mmCIF file of all heavy atoms, coordinates in Angstrom:
data_MODEL
# 
_entry.id   MODEL 
# 
loop_
_atom_site.group_PDB 
_atom_site.id 
_atom_site.type_symbol 
_atom_site.label_atom_id 
_atom_site.label_alt_id 
_atom_site.label_comp_id 
_atom_site.label_asym_id 
_atom_site.label_entity_id 
_atom_site.label_seq_id 
_atom_site.pdbx_PDB_ins_code 
_atom_site.Cartn_x 
_atom_site.Cartn_y 
_atom_site.Cartn_z 
_atom_site.occupancy 
_atom_site.B_iso_or_equiv 
_atom_site.pdbx_formal_charge 
_atom_site.auth_seq_id 
_atom_site.auth_comp_id 
_atom_site.auth_asym_id 
_atom_site.auth_atom_id 
_atom_site.pdbx_PDB_model_num 
ATOM 1   N N   . ARG A 1 1  ? 4.649   -79.250  -2.675 1.00 0.00 ? 1  ARG A N   1 
ATOM 2   C CA  . ARG A 1 1  ? 3.220   -79.552  -2.439 1.00 0.00 ? 1  ARG A CA  1 
ATOM 3   C C   . ARG A 1 1  ? 2.878   -80.906  -2.841 1.00 0.00 ? 1  ARG A C   1 
ATOM 4   O O   . ARG A 1 1  ? 3.027   -81.209  -4.071 1.00 0.00 ? 1  ARG A O   1 
ATOM 5   C CB  . ARG A 1 1  ? 2.343   -78.459  -3.144 1.00 0.00 ? 1  ARG A CB  1 
ATOM 6   C CG  . ARG A 1 1  ? 0.890   -78.745  -2.770 1.00 0.00 ? 1  ARG A CG  1 
ATOM 7   C CD  . ARG A 1 1  ? -0.118  -77.894  -3.567 1.00 0.00 ? 1  ARG A CD  1 
ATOM 8   N NE  . ARG A 1 1  ? -0.475  -78.425  -4.858 1.00 0.00 ? 1  ARG A NE  1 
ATOM 9   C CZ  . ARG A 1 1  ? -1.346  -77.993  -5.645 1.00 0.00 ? 1  ARG A CZ  1 
ATOM 10  N NH1 . ARG A 1 1  ? -2.048  -76.902  -5.392 1.00 0.00 ? 1  ARG A NH1 1 
ATOM 11  N NH2 . ARG A 1 1  ? -1.666  -78.768  -6.781 1.00 0.00 ? 1  ARG A NH2 1 
ATOM 12  N N   . LEU A 1 2  ? 2.479   -81.813  -1.923 1.00 0.00 ? 2  LEU A N   1 
ATOM 13  C CA  . LEU A 1 2  ? 2.151   -83.154  -2.302 1.00 0.00 ? 2  LEU A CA  1 
ATOM 14  C C   . LEU A 1 2  ? 0.614   -83.200  -2.419 1.00 0.00 ? 2  LEU A C   1 
ATOM 15  O O   . LEU A 1 2  ? -0.120  -82.531  -1.647 1.00 0.00 ? 2  LEU A O   1 
ATOM 16  C CB  . LEU A 1 2  ? 2.521   -84.100  -1.143 1.00 0.00 ? 2  LEU A CB  1 
ATOM 17  C CG  . LEU A 1 2  ? 4.040   -84.146  -0.783 1.00 0.00 ? 2  LEU A CG  1 
ATOM 18  C CD1 . LEU A 1 2  ? 4.287   -85.195  0.220  1.00 0.00 ? 2  LEU A CD1 1 
ATOM 19  C CD2 . LEU A 1 2  ? 4.934   -84.341  -2.027 1.00 0.00 ? 2  LEU A CD2 1 
ATOM 20  N N   . SER A 1 3  ? 0.202   -83.990  -3.316 1.00 0.00 ? 3  SER A N   1 
ATOM 21  C CA  . SER A 1 3  ? -1.282  -84.223  -3.648 1.00 0.00 ? 3  SER A CA  1 
ATOM 22  C C   . SER A 1 3  ? -1.531  -85.632  -3.501 1.00 0.00 ? 3  SER A C   1 
ATOM 23  O O   . SER A 1 3  ? -0.801  -86.571  -3.833 1.00 0.00 ? 3  SER A O   1 
ATOM 24  C CB  . SER A 1 3  ? -1.671  -83.726  -4.950 1.00 0.00 ? 3  SER A CB  1 
ATOM 25  O OG  . SER A 1 3  ? -1.366  -82.334  -5.094 1.00 0.00 ? 3  SER A OG  1 
ATOM 26  N N   . CYS A 1 4  ? -2.755  -85.919  -2.953 1.00 0.00 ? 4  CYS A N   1 
ATOM 27  C CA  . CYS A 1 4  ? -3.309  -87.324  -2.871 1.00 0.00 ? 4  CYS A CA  1 
ATOM 28  C C   . CYS A 1 4  ? -4.628  -87.268  -3.640 1.00 0.00 ? 4  CYS A C   1 
ATOM 29  O O   . CYS A 1 4  ? -5.530  -86.671  -3.054 1.00 0.00 ? 4  CYS A O   1 
ATOM 30  C CB  . CYS A 1 4  ? -3.362  -87.739  -1.485 1.00 0.00 ? 4  CYS A CB  1 
ATOM 31  S SG  . CYS A 1 4  ? -4.068  -89.382  -1.282 1.00 0.00 ? 4  CYS A SG  1 
ATOM 32  N N   . ALA A 1 5  ? -4.782  -87.978  -4.755 1.00 0.00 ? 5  ALA A N   1 
ATOM 33  C CA  . ALA A 1 5  ? -6.035  -88.101  -5.437 1.00 0.00 ? 5  ALA A CA  1 
ATOM 34  C C   . ALA A 1 5  ? -6.771  -89.457  -5.026 1.00 0.00 ? 5  ALA A C   1 
ATOM 35  O O   . ALA A 1 5  ? -6.108  -90.456  -5.102 1.00 0.00 ? 5  ALA A O   1 
ATOM 36  C CB  . ALA A 1 5  ? -5.787  -88.087  -6.918 1.00 0.00 ? 5  ALA A CB  1 
ATOM 37  N N   . ALA A 1 6  ? -7.954  -89.255  -4.653 1.00 0.00 ? 6  ALA A N   1 
ATOM 38  C CA  . ALA A 1 6  ? -8.750  -90.440  -4.122 1.00 0.00 ? 6  ALA A CA  1 
ATOM 39  C C   . ALA A 1 6  ? -9.774  -90.807  -5.238 1.00 0.00 ? 6  ALA A C   1 
ATOM 40  O O   . ALA A 1 6  ? -10.394 -89.954  -5.879 1.00 0.00 ? 6  ALA A O   1 
ATOM 41  C CB  . ALA A 1 6  ? -9.453  -90.135  -2.835 1.00 0.00 ? 6  ALA A CB  1 
ATOM 42  N N   . SER A 1 7  ? -10.054 -92.077  -5.374 1.00 0.00 ? 7  SER A N   1 
ATOM 43  C CA  . SER A 1 7  ? -11.048 -92.551  -6.229 1.00 0.00 ? 7  SER A CA  1 
ATOM 44  C C   . SER A 1 7  ? -11.818 -93.708  -5.437 1.00 0.00 ? 7  SER A C   1 
ATOM 45  O O   . SER A 1 7  ? -11.235 -94.247  -4.404 1.00 0.00 ? 7  SER A O   1 
ATOM 46  C CB  . SER A 1 7  ? -10.561 -93.061  -7.549 1.00 0.00 ? 7  SER A CB  1 
ATOM 47  O OG  . SER A 1 7  ? -9.657  -94.149  -7.340 1.00 0.00 ? 7  SER A OG  1 
ATOM 48  N N   . GLY A 1 8  ? -12.950 -94.062  -5.934 1.00 0.00 ? 8  GLY A N   1 
ATOM 49  C CA  . GLY A 1 8  ? -13.778 -95.036  -5.253 1.00 0.00 ? 8  GLY A CA  1 
ATOM 50  C C   . GLY A 1 8  ? -15.069 -94.449  -4.657 1.00 0.00 ? 8  GLY A C   1 
ATOM 51  O O   . GLY A 1 8  ? -15.791 -93.935  -5.508 1.00 0.00 ? 8  GLY A O   1 
ATOM 52  N N   . ARG A 1 9  ? -15.261 -94.618  -3.443 1.00 0.00 ? 9  ARG A N   1 
ATOM 53  C CA  . ARG A 1 9  ? -16.601 -94.136  -2.893 1.00 0.00 ? 9  ARG A CA  1 
ATOM 54  C C   . ARG A 1 9  ? -16.367 -93.292  -1.679 1.00 0.00 ? 9  ARG A C   1 
ATOM 55  O O   . ARG A 1 9  ? -15.462 -93.472  -0.806 1.00 0.00 ? 9  ARG A O   1 
ATOM 56  C CB  . ARG A 1 9  ? -17.367 -95.397  -2.497 1.00 0.00 ? 9  ARG A CB  1 
ATOM 57  C CG  . ARG A 1 9  ? -17.650 -96.366  -3.586 1.00 0.00 ? 9  ARG A CG  1 
ATOM 58  C CD  . ARG A 1 9  ? -18.441 -97.515  -3.116 1.00 0.00 ? 9  ARG A CD  1 
ATOM 59  N NE  . ARG A 1 9  ? -19.699 -97.263  -2.430 1.00 0.00 ? 9  ARG A NE  1 
ATOM 60  C CZ  . ARG A 1 9  ? -20.757 -97.211  -3.072 1.00 0.00 ? 9  ARG A CZ  1 
ATOM 61  N NH1 . ARG A 1 9  ? -20.857 -97.407  -4.416 1.00 0.00 ? 9  ARG A NH1 1 
ATOM 62  N NH2 . ARG A 1 9  ? -21.923 -96.903  -2.399 1.00 0.00 ? 9  ARG A NH2 1 
ATOM 63  N N   . THR A 1 10 ? -17.152 -92.305  -1.432 1.00 0.00 ? 10 THR A N   1 
ATOM 64  C CA  . THR A 1 10 ? -17.428 -91.466  -0.364 1.00 0.00 ? 10 THR A CA  1 
ATOM 65  C C   . THR A 1 10 ? -16.193 -90.957  0.318  1.00 0.00 ? 10 THR A C   1 
ATOM 66  O O   . THR A 1 10 ? -15.846 -91.206  1.511  1.00 0.00 ? 10 THR A O   1 
ATOM 67  C CB  . THR A 1 10 ? -18.260 -92.207  0.653  1.00 0.00 ? 10 THR A CB  1 
ATOM 68  O OG1 . THR A 1 10 ? -17.544 -93.427  1.014  1.00 0.00 ? 10 THR A OG1 1 
ATOM 69  C CG2 . THR A 1 10 ? -19.606 -92.567  0.070  1.00 0.00 ? 10 THR A CG2 1 
ATOM 70  N N   . PHE A 1 11 ? -15.376 -90.252  -0.379 1.00 0.00 ? 11 PHE A N   1 
ATOM 71  C CA  . PHE A 1 11 ? -14.066 -89.655  0.119  1.00 0.00 ? 11 PHE A CA  1 
ATOM 72  C C   . PHE A 1 11 ? -14.362 -88.840  1.243  1.00 0.00 ? 11 PHE A C   1 
ATOM 73  O O   . PHE A 1 11 ? -13.471 -88.802  2.263  1.00 0.00 ? 11 PHE A O   1 
ATOM 74  C CB  . PHE A 1 11 ? -13.388 -88.906  -0.983 1.00 0.00 ? 11 PHE A CB  1 
ATOM 75  C CG  . PHE A 1 11 ? -12.172 -88.039  -0.514 1.00 0.00 ? 11 PHE A CG  1 
ATOM 76  C CD1 . PHE A 1 11 ? -10.978 -88.696  -0.314 1.00 0.00 ? 11 PHE A CD1 1 
ATOM 77  C CD2 . PHE A 1 11 ? -12.330 -86.679  -0.362 1.00 0.00 ? 11 PHE A CD2 1 
ATOM 78  C CE1 . PHE A 1 11 ? -9.922  -87.942  0.147  1.00 0.00 ? 11 PHE A CE1 1 
ATOM 79  C CE2 . PHE A 1 11 ? -11.152 -85.906  0.098  1.00 0.00 ? 11 PHE A CE2 1 
ATOM 80  C CZ  . PHE A 1 11 ? -9.971  -86.591  0.317  1.00 0.00 ? 11 PHE A CZ  1 
ATOM 81  N N   . SER A 1 12 ? -15.403 -88.020  1.275  1.00 0.00 ? 12 SER A N   1 
ATOM 82  C CA  . SER A 1 12 ? -15.730 -87.130  2.304  1.00 0.00 ? 12 SER A CA  1 
ATOM 83  C C   . SER A 1 12 ? -16.022 -87.788  3.738  1.00 0.00 ? 12 SER A C   1 
ATOM 84  O O   . SER A 1 12 ? -15.917 -87.198  4.815  1.00 0.00 ? 12 SER A O   1 
ATOM 85  C CB  . SER A 1 12 ? -16.902 -86.240  1.978  1.00 0.00 ? 12 SER A CB  1 
ATOM 86  O OG  . SER A 1 12 ? -18.036 -86.976  1.929  1.00 0.00 ? 12 SER A OG  1 
ATOM 87  N N   . ALA A 1 13 ? -16.249 -89.135  3.654  1.00 0.00 ? 13 ALA A N   1 
ATOM 88  C CA  . ALA A 1 13 ? -16.448 -89.860  4.931  1.00 0.00 ? 13 ALA A CA  1 
ATOM 89  C C   . ALA A 1 13 ? -15.210 -90.388  5.613  1.00 0.00 ? 13 ALA A C   1 
ATOM 90  O O   . ALA A 1 13 ? -15.283 -90.981  6.662  1.00 0.00 ? 13 ALA A O   1 
ATOM 91  C CB  . ALA A 1 13 ? -17.414 -90.977  4.726  1.00 0.00 ? 13 ALA A CB  1 
ATOM 92  N N   . TYR A 1 14 ? -14.054 -90.119  5.028  1.00 0.00 ? 14 TYR A N   1 
ATOM 93  C CA  . TYR A 1 14 ? -12.743 -90.576  5.513  1.00 0.00 ? 14 TYR A CA  1 
ATOM 94  C C   . TYR A 1 14 ? -11.936 -89.561  6.218  1.00 0.00 ? 14 TYR A C   1 
ATOM 95  O O   . TYR A 1 14 ? -11.861 -88.484  5.648  1.00 0.00 ? 14 TYR A O   1 
ATOM 96  C CB  . TYR A 1 14 ? -11.967 -91.266  4.415  1.00 0.00 ? 14 TYR A CB  1 
ATOM 97  C CG  . TYR A 1 14 ? -12.659 -92.567  3.896  1.00 0.00 ? 14 TYR A CG  1 
ATOM 98  C CD1 . TYR A 1 14 ? -13.587 -92.488  2.873  1.00 0.00 ? 14 TYR A CD1 1 
ATOM 99  C CD2 . TYR A 1 14 ? -12.176 -93.728  4.363  1.00 0.00 ? 14 TYR A CD2 1 
ATOM 100 C CE1 . TYR A 1 14 ? -14.179 -93.626  2.358  1.00 0.00 ? 14 TYR A CE1 1 
ATOM 101 C CE2 . TYR A 1 14 ? -12.809 -94.898  3.831  1.00 0.00 ? 14 TYR A CE2 1 
ATOM 102 C CZ  . TYR A 1 14 ? -13.738 -94.884  2.882  1.00 0.00 ? 14 TYR A CZ  1 
ATOM 103 O OH  . TYR A 1 14 ? -14.274 -95.955  2.364  1.00 0.00 ? 14 TYR A OH  1 
ATOM 104 N N   . THR A 1 15 ? -11.433 -89.932  7.361  1.00 0.00 ? 15 THR A N   1 
ATOM 105 C CA  . THR A 1 15 ? -10.244 -89.157  7.930  1.00 0.00 ? 15 THR A CA  1 
ATOM 106 C C   . THR A 1 15 ? -9.017  -89.440  7.063  1.00 0.00 ? 15 THR A C   1 
ATOM 107 O O   . THR A 1 15 ? -8.728  -90.594  6.677  1.00 0.00 ? 15 THR A O   1 
ATOM 108 C CB  . THR A 1 15 ? -10.079 -89.544  9.325  1.00 0.00 ? 15 THR A CB  1 
ATOM 109 O OG1 . THR A 1 15 ? -11.144 -89.166  10.118 1.00 0.00 ? 15 THR A OG1 1 
ATOM 110 C CG2 . THR A 1 15 ? -8.808  -88.899  9.900  1.00 0.00 ? 15 THR A CG2 1 
ATOM 111 N N   . MET A 1 16 ? -8.260  -88.418  6.780  1.00 0.00 ? 16 MET A N   1 
ATOM 112 C CA  . MET A 1 16 ? -7.171  -88.453  5.905  1.00 0.00 ? 16 MET A CA  1 
ATOM 113 C C   . MET A 1 16 ? -5.822  -88.141  6.726  1.00 0.00 ? 16 MET A C   1 
ATOM 114 O O   . MET A 1 16 ? -5.863  -87.220  7.594  1.00 0.00 ? 16 MET A O   1 
ATOM 115 C CB  . MET A 1 16 ? -7.244  -87.641  4.662  1.00 0.00 ? 16 MET A CB  1 
ATOM 116 C CG  . MET A 1 16 ? -8.432  -87.893  3.789  1.00 0.00 ? 16 MET A CG  1 
ATOM 117 S SD  . MET A 1 16 ? -8.428  -89.540  3.092  1.00 0.00 ? 16 MET A SD  1 
ATOM 118 C CE  . MET A 1 16 ? -6.824  -89.454  2.137  1.00 0.00 ? 16 MET A CE  1 
ATOM 119 N N   . GLY A 1 17 ? -4.812  -88.828  6.420  1.00 0.00 ? 17 GLY A N   1 
ATOM 120 C CA  . GLY A 1 17 ? -3.503  -88.631  7.012  1.00 0.00 ? 17 GLY A CA  1 
ATOM 121 C C   . GLY A 1 17 ? -2.339  -88.750  6.025  1.00 0.00 ? 17 GLY A C   1 
ATOM 122 O O   . GLY A 1 17 ? -2.469  -89.361  5.027  1.00 0.00 ? 17 GLY A O   1 
ATOM 123 N N   . TRP A 1 18 ? -1.265  -88.008  6.452  1.00 0.00 ? 18 TRP A N   1 
ATOM 124 C CA  . TRP A 1 18 ? 0.009   -88.177  5.680  1.00 0.00 ? 18 TRP A CA  1 
ATOM 125 C C   . TRP A 1 18 ? 1.005   -88.826  6.728  1.00 0.00 ? 18 TRP A C   1 
ATOM 126 O O   . TRP A 1 18 ? 1.104   -88.325  7.886  1.00 0.00 ? 18 TRP A O   1 
ATOM 127 C CB  . TRP A 1 18 ? 0.602   -86.880  5.238  1.00 0.00 ? 18 TRP A CB  1 
ATOM 128 C CG  . TRP A 1 18 ? -0.166  -86.257  4.037  1.00 0.00 ? 18 TRP A CG  1 
ATOM 129 C CD1 . TRP A 1 18 ? -1.156  -85.471  4.060  1.00 0.00 ? 18 TRP A CD1 1 
ATOM 130 C CD2 . TRP A 1 18 ? 0.223   -86.613  2.628  1.00 0.00 ? 18 TRP A CD2 1 
ATOM 131 N NE1 . TRP A 1 18 ? -1.520  -85.110  2.768  1.00 0.00 ? 18 TRP A NE1 1 
ATOM 132 C CE2 . TRP A 1 18 ? -0.770  -85.855  1.919  1.00 0.00 ? 18 TRP A CE2 1 
ATOM 133 C CE3 . TRP A 1 18 ? 1.103   -87.451  2.051  1.00 0.00 ? 18 TRP A CE3 1 
ATOM 134 C CZ2 . TRP A 1 18 ? -0.720  -85.887  0.514  1.00 0.00 ? 18 TRP A CZ2 1 
ATOM 135 C CZ3 . TRP A 1 18 ? 1.102   -87.468  0.640  1.00 0.00 ? 18 TRP A CZ3 1 
ATOM 136 C CH2 . TRP A 1 18 ? 0.217   -86.773  -0.099 1.00 0.00 ? 18 TRP A CH2 1 
ATOM 137 N N   . PHE A 1 19 ? 1.819   -89.732  6.216  1.00 0.00 ? 19 PHE A N   1 
ATOM 138 C CA  . PHE A 1 19 ? 2.800   -90.452  6.906  1.00 0.00 ? 19 PHE A CA  1 
ATOM 139 C C   . PHE A 1 19 ? 4.096   -90.431  6.112  1.00 0.00 ? 19 PHE A C   1 
ATOM 140 O O   . PHE A 1 19 ? 4.053   -90.132  4.894  1.00 0.00 ? 19 PHE A O   1 
ATOM 141 C CB  . PHE A 1 19 ? 2.477   -91.912  7.231  1.00 0.00 ? 19 PHE A CB  1 
ATOM 142 C CG  . PHE A 1 19 ? 1.360   -92.044  8.180  1.00 0.00 ? 19 PHE A CG  1 
ATOM 143 C CD1 . PHE A 1 19 ? 0.137   -91.836  7.890  1.00 0.00 ? 19 PHE A CD1 1 
ATOM 144 C CD2 . PHE A 1 19 ? 1.662   -92.366  9.613  1.00 0.00 ? 19 PHE A CD2 1 
ATOM 145 C CE1 . PHE A 1 19 ? -1.034  -91.957  8.781  1.00 0.00 ? 19 PHE A CE1 1 
ATOM 146 C CE2 . PHE A 1 19 ? 0.518   -92.499  10.465 1.00 0.00 ? 19 PHE A CE2 1 
ATOM 147 C CZ  . PHE A 1 19 ? -0.741  -92.343  10.087 1.00 0.00 ? 19 PHE A CZ  1 
ATOM 148 N N   . ARG A 1 20 ? 5.218   -90.621  6.832  1.00 0.00 ? 20 ARG A N   1 
ATOM 149 C CA  . ARG A 1 20 ? 6.474   -90.629  6.060  1.00 0.00 ? 20 ARG A CA  1 
ATOM 150 C C   . ARG A 1 20 ? 7.330   -91.828  6.562  1.00 0.00 ? 20 ARG A C   1 
ATOM 151 O O   . ARG A 1 20 ? 7.244   -92.124  7.845  1.00 0.00 ? 20 ARG A O   1 
ATOM 152 C CB  . ARG A 1 20 ? 7.265   -89.391  6.038  1.00 0.00 ? 20 ARG A CB  1 
ATOM 153 C CG  . ARG A 1 20 ? 7.785   -88.877  7.358  1.00 0.00 ? 20 ARG A CG  1 
ATOM 154 C CD  . ARG A 1 20 ? 8.288   -87.442  7.259  1.00 0.00 ? 20 ARG A CD  1 
ATOM 155 N NE  . ARG A 1 20 ? 8.854   -86.989  8.562  1.00 0.00 ? 20 ARG A NE  1 
ATOM 156 C CZ  . ARG A 1 20 ? 9.236   -85.761  8.763  1.00 0.00 ? 20 ARG A CZ  1 
ATOM 157 N NH1 . ARG A 1 20 ? 9.191   -84.847  7.805  1.00 0.00 ? 20 ARG A NH1 1 
ATOM 158 N NH2 . ARG A 1 20 ? 9.672   -85.445  9.932  1.00 0.00 ? 20 ARG A NH2 1 
ATOM 159 N N   . GLN A 1 21 ? 8.259   -92.379  5.770  1.00 0.00 ? 21 GLN A N   1 
ATOM 160 C CA  . GLN A 1 21 ? 9.105   -93.385  6.232  1.00 0.00 ? 21 GLN A CA  1 
ATOM 161 C C   . GLN A 1 21 ? 10.429  -93.262  5.551  1.00 0.00 ? 21 GLN A C   1 
ATOM 162 O O   . GLN A 1 21 ? 10.499  -93.207  4.263  1.00 0.00 ? 21 GLN A O   1 
ATOM 163 C CB  . GLN A 1 21 ? 8.476   -94.843  5.958  1.00 0.00 ? 21 GLN A CB  1 
ATOM 164 C CG  . GLN A 1 21 ? 9.230   -95.906  6.484  1.00 0.00 ? 21 GLN A CG  1 
ATOM 165 C CD  . GLN A 1 21 ? 8.474   -97.155  6.393  1.00 0.00 ? 21 GLN A CD  1 
ATOM 166 O OE1 . GLN A 1 21 ? 7.531   -97.315  5.652  1.00 0.00 ? 21 GLN A OE1 1 
ATOM 167 N NE2 . GLN A 1 21 ? 8.893   -98.183  7.323  1.00 0.00 ? 21 GLN A NE2 1 
ATOM 168 N N   . ALA A 1 22 ? 11.484  -93.140  6.259  1.00 0.00 ? 22 ALA A N   1 
ATOM 169 C CA  . ALA A 1 22 ? 12.840  -93.029  5.721  1.00 0.00 ? 22 ALA A CA  1 
ATOM 170 C C   . ALA A 1 22 ? 13.450  -94.528  5.879  1.00 0.00 ? 22 ALA A C   1 
ATOM 171 O O   . ALA A 1 22 ? 12.953  -95.344  6.739  1.00 0.00 ? 22 ALA A O   1 
ATOM 172 C CB  . ALA A 1 22 ? 13.692  -92.139  6.552  1.00 0.00 ? 22 ALA A CB  1 
ATOM 173 N N   . PRO A 1 23 ? 14.476  -94.807  4.997  1.00 0.00 ? 23 PRO A N   1 
ATOM 174 C CA  . PRO A 1 23 ? 15.017  -96.151  5.093  1.00 0.00 ? 23 PRO A CA  1 
ATOM 175 C C   . PRO A 1 23 ? 15.511  -96.577  6.460  1.00 0.00 ? 23 PRO A C   1 
ATOM 176 O O   . PRO A 1 23 ? 16.209  -95.654  7.091  1.00 0.00 ? 23 PRO A O   1 
ATOM 177 C CB  . PRO A 1 23 ? 16.186  -96.108  4.069  1.00 0.00 ? 23 PRO A CB  1 
ATOM 178 C CG  . PRO A 1 23 ? 15.691  -94.952  3.151  1.00 0.00 ? 23 PRO A CG  1 
ATOM 179 C CD  . PRO A 1 23 ? 14.930  -93.984  3.916  1.00 0.00 ? 23 PRO A CD  1 
ATOM 180 N N   . GLY A 1 24 ? 15.195  -97.721  6.893  1.00 0.00 ? 24 GLY A N   1 
ATOM 181 C CA  . GLY A 1 24 ? 15.628  -98.102  8.171  1.00 0.00 ? 24 GLY A CA  1 
ATOM 182 C C   . GLY A 1 24 ? 14.875  -97.640  9.387  1.00 0.00 ? 24 GLY A C   1 
ATOM 183 O O   . GLY A 1 24 ? 15.155  -97.881  10.569 1.00 0.00 ? 24 GLY A O   1 
ATOM 184 N N   . LYS A 1 25 ? 13.837  -96.759  9.062  1.00 0.00 ? 25 LYS A N   1 
ATOM 185 C CA  . LYS A 1 25 ? 13.022  -96.194  10.269 1.00 0.00 ? 25 LYS A CA  1 
ATOM 186 C C   . LYS A 1 25 ? 11.606  -96.618  10.188 1.00 0.00 ? 25 LYS A C   1 
ATOM 187 O O   . LYS A 1 25 ? 11.091  -97.084  9.100  1.00 0.00 ? 25 LYS A O   1 
ATOM 188 C CB  . LYS A 1 25 ? 13.222  -94.620  10.172 1.00 0.00 ? 25 LYS A CB  1 
ATOM 189 C CG  . LYS A 1 25 ? 14.593  -94.105  10.328 1.00 0.00 ? 25 LYS A CG  1 
ATOM 190 C CD  . LYS A 1 25 ? 14.569  -92.620  10.399 1.00 0.00 ? 25 LYS A CD  1 
ATOM 191 C CE  . LYS A 1 25 ? 16.011  -91.999  10.725 1.00 0.00 ? 25 LYS A CE  1 
ATOM 192 N NZ  . LYS A 1 25 ? 16.012  -90.570  10.816 1.00 0.00 ? 25 LYS A NZ  1 
ATOM 193 N N   . GLU A 1 26 ? 10.916  -96.425  11.253 1.00 0.00 ? 26 GLU A N   1 
ATOM 194 C CA  . GLU A 1 26 ? 9.442   -96.756  11.284 1.00 0.00 ? 26 GLU A CA  1 
ATOM 195 C C   . GLU A 1 26 ? 8.701   -95.641  10.625 1.00 0.00 ? 26 GLU A C   1 
ATOM 196 O O   . GLU A 1 26 ? 9.071   -94.567  10.454 1.00 0.00 ? 26 GLU A O   1 
ATOM 197 C CB  . GLU A 1 26 ? 9.034   -96.805  12.773 1.00 0.00 ? 26 GLU A CB  1 
ATOM 198 C CG  . GLU A 1 26 ? 9.689   -97.890  13.675 1.00 0.00 ? 26 GLU A CG  1 
ATOM 199 C CD  . GLU A 1 26 ? 9.230   -99.270  13.108 1.00 0.00 ? 26 GLU A CD  1 
ATOM 200 O OE1 . GLU A 1 26 ? 8.099   -99.425  12.765 1.00 0.00 ? 26 GLU A OE1 1 
ATOM 201 O OE2 . GLU A 1 26 ? 10.143  -100.165 13.102 1.00 0.00 ? 26 GLU A OE2 1 
ATOM 202 N N   . ARG A 1 27 ? 7.579   -96.148  10.144 1.00 0.00 ? 27 ARG A N   1 
ATOM 203 C CA  . ARG A 1 27 ? 6.635   -95.074  9.422  1.00 0.00 ? 27 ARG A CA  1 
ATOM 204 C C   . ARG A 1 27 ? 6.120   -94.166  10.584 1.00 0.00 ? 27 ARG A C   1 
ATOM 205 O O   . ARG A 1 27 ? 5.589   -94.703  11.679 1.00 0.00 ? 27 ARG A O   1 
ATOM 206 C CB  . ARG A 1 27 ? 5.444   -95.901  8.766  1.00 0.00 ? 27 ARG A CB  1 
ATOM 207 C CG  . ARG A 1 27 ? 4.543   -94.986  7.957  1.00 0.00 ? 27 ARG A CG  1 
ATOM 208 C CD  . ARG A 1 27 ? 3.655   -95.864  7.103  1.00 0.00 ? 27 ARG A CD  1 
ATOM 209 N NE  . ARG A 1 27 ? 4.475   -96.582  6.068  1.00 0.00 ? 27 ARG A NE  1 
ATOM 210 C CZ  . ARG A 1 27 ? 3.845   -97.242  5.018  1.00 0.00 ? 27 ARG A CZ  1 
ATOM 211 N NH1 . ARG A 1 27 ? 2.667   -97.162  4.815  1.00 0.00 ? 27 ARG A NH1 1 
ATOM 212 N NH2 . ARG A 1 27 ? 4.696   -97.777  4.269  1.00 0.00 ? 27 ARG A NH2 1 
# 
């Protein structure tokens, strides 16, 4: 289970995504 903690302003107003990148490959 991966978690992403946000700080700053208005988290609820953002679309969120997860990406991954392996060595030598595109994100």
